[in-house]
Amino acid sequence: MAEDYSPSKACESLGKRLKQTRTNAGLTQEKLSELSELSVKVIRSAENGKVSLANLAVIFKALSLDHELDKLL
């Protein structure tokens, strides 16, 4: 299993899950951008698996998932 691990695949999976969570919440990228005070470009990048830890924390907070971020710590 360890040989199948790829950081880029993990990031890609995280991005897909972020997008699914956003759409399940009925939010557009534009609305999440407003809620998080991040640009749509940052939201789009996050959904493509390219996001800084700081921006990821902000997105989690905007999606009311900050408790999930706590689990990672």
C-alpha atoms as a PDB file:
ATOM      1  CA  MET A   1       0.000   0.000   0.000  1.00  0.00           C
ATOM      2  CA  ALA A   2       2.813   2.439   0.820  1.00  0.00           C
ATOM      3  CA  GLU A   3       4.231   2.153  -2.705  1.00  0.00           C
ATOM      4  CA  ASP A   4       0.855   3.373  -4.041  1.00  0.00           C
ATOM      5  CA  TYR A   5       1.004   6.548  -1.943  1.00  0.00           C
ATOM      6  CA  SER A   6       1.628   9.691  -3.911  1.00  0.00           C
ATOM      7  CA  PRO A   7       1.496  13.185  -2.400  1.00  0.00           C
ATOM      8  CA  SER A   8       0.151  14.562  -5.676  1.00  0.00           C
ATOM      9  CA  LYS A   9      -2.652  11.971  -5.701  1.00  0.00           C
ATOM     10  CA  ALA A  10      -3.477  12.801  -2.086  1.00  0.00           C
ATOM     11  CA  CYS A  11      -3.687  16.509  -2.956  1.00  0.00           C
ATOM     12  CA  GLU A  12      -5.837  15.746  -5.999  1.00  0.00           C
ATOM     13  CA  SER A  13      -8.164  13.663  -3.830  1.00  0.00           C
ATOM     14  CA  LEU A  14      -8.387  16.441  -1.244  1.00  0.00           C
ATOM     15  CA  GLY A  15      -9.304  18.920  -3.966  1.00  0.00           C
ATOM     16  CA  LYS A  16     -12.051  16.661  -5.292  1.00  0.00           C
ATOM     17  CA  ARG A  17     -13.426  16.214  -1.783  1.00  0.00           C
ATOM     18  CA  LEU A  18     -13.389  19.966  -1.201  1.00  0.00           C
ATOM     19  CA  LYS A  19     -15.353  20.488  -4.413  1.00  0.00           C
ATOM     20  CA  GLN A  20     -17.853  17.786  -3.459  1.00  0.00           C
ATOM     21  CA  THR A  21     -18.296  19.325  -0.011  1.00  0.00           C
ATOM     22  CA  ARG A  22     -18.857  22.762  -1.552  1.00  0.00           C
ATOM     23  CA  THR A  23     -21.414  21.477  -4.034  1.00  0.00           C
ATOM     24  CA  ASN A  24     -23.161  19.384  -1.350  1.00  0.00           C
ATOM     25  CA  ALA A  25     -23.519  22.609   0.636  1.00  0.00           C
ATOM     26  CA  GLY A  26     -25.140  24.225  -2.391  1.00  0.00           C
ATOM     27  CA  LEU A  27     -22.345  26.756  -2.818  1.00  0.00           C
ATOM     28  CA  THR A  28     -20.797  28.069  -5.990  1.00  0.00           C
ATOM     29  CA  GLN A  29     -17.093  28.834  -6.134  1.00  0.00           C
ATOM     30  CA  GLU A  30     -18.067  32.499  -6.137  1.00  0.00           C
ATOM     31  CA  LYS A  31     -20.140  32.174  -2.948  1.00  0.00           C
ATOM     32  CA  LEU A  32     -17.387  30.221  -1.177  1.00  0.00           C
ATOM     33  CA  SER A  33     -15.010  32.931  -2.300  1.00  0.00           C
ATOM     34  CA  GLU A  34     -17.216  35.536  -0.611  1.00  0.00           C
ATOM     35  CA  LEU A  35     -17.606  33.481   2.568  1.00  0.00           C
ATOM     36  CA  SER A  36     -13.894  32.788   2.850  1.00  0.00           C
ATOM     37  CA  GLU A  37     -12.709  36.171   1.583  1.00  0.00           C
ATOM     38  CA  LEU A  38     -10.399  34.311  -0.787  1.00  0.00           C
ATOM     39  CA  SER A  39     -10.369  34.801  -4.537  1.00  0.00           C
ATOM     40  CA  VAL A  40     -12.234  32.478  -6.872  1.00  0.00           C
ATOM     41  CA  LYS A  41      -8.819  31.625  -8.311  1.00  0.00           C
ATOM     42  CA  VAL A  42      -7.691  30.344  -4.884  1.00  0.00           C
ATOM     43  CA  ILE A  43     -10.889  28.291  -4.520  1.00  0.00           C
ATOM     44  CA  ARG A  44     -10.415  26.841  -7.993  1.00  0.00           C
ATOM     45  CA  SER A  45      -6.777  26.001  -7.242  1.00  0.00           C
ATOM     46  CA  ALA A  46      -7.763  24.354  -3.956  1.00  0.00           C
ATOM     47  CA  GLU A  47     -10.271  22.184  -5.794  1.00  0.00           C
ATOM     48  CA  ASN A  48      -7.441  21.166  -8.108  1.00  0.00           C
ATOM     49  CA  GLY A  49      -5.340  20.095  -5.115  1.00  0.00           C
ATOM     50  CA  LYS A  50      -3.094  23.149  -5.036  1.00  0.00           C
ATOM     51  CA  VAL A  51      -3.674  25.071  -1.827  1.00  0.00           C
ATOM     52  CA  SER A  52      -1.574  26.422   1.001  1.00  0.00           C
ATOM     53  CA  LEU A  53      -2.250  25.194   4.505  1.00  0.00           C
ATOM     54  CA  ALA A  54      -3.342  28.696   5.537  1.00  0.00           C
ATOM     55  CA  ASN A  55      -5.890  28.927   2.715  1.00  0.00           C
ATOM     56  CA  LEU A  56      -7.076  25.387   3.387  1.00  0.00           C
ATOM     57  CA  ALA A  57      -7.798  26.376   6.995  1.00  0.00           C
ATOM     58  CA  VAL A  58      -9.763  29.421   5.807  1.00  0.00           C
ATOM     59  CA  ILE A  59     -11.784  27.284   3.380  1.00  0.00           C
ATOM     60  CA  PHE A  60     -12.527  24.714   6.094  1.00  0.00           C
ATOM     61  CA  LYS A  61     -13.741  27.526   8.358  1.00  0.00           C
ATOM     62  CA  ALA A  62     -15.964  28.965   5.601  1.00  0.00           C
ATOM     63  CA  LEU A  63     -17.471  25.517   5.065  1.00  0.00           C
ATOM     64  CA  SER A  64     -17.994  25.143   8.850  1.00  0.00           C
ATOM     65  CA  LEU A  65     -15.509  22.267   8.844  1.00  0.00           C
ATOM     66  CA  ASP A  66     -12.971  23.734  11.259  1.00  0.00           C
ATOM     67  CA  HIS A  67     -13.711  20.806  13.620  1.00  0.00           C
ATOM     68  CA  GLU A  68     -12.437  18.487  10.876  1.00  0.00           C
ATOM     69  CA  LEU A  69      -9.214  20.458  10.653  1.00  0.00           C
ATOM     70  CA  ASP A  70      -8.805  19.990  14.405  1.00  0.00           C
ATOM     71  CA  LYS A  71      -8.898  16.220  13.844  1.00  0.00           C
ATOM     72  CA  LEU A  72      -5.844  16.500  11.604  1.00  0.00           C
ATOM     73  CA  LEU A  73      -3.921  18.165  14.385  1.00  0.00           C
END
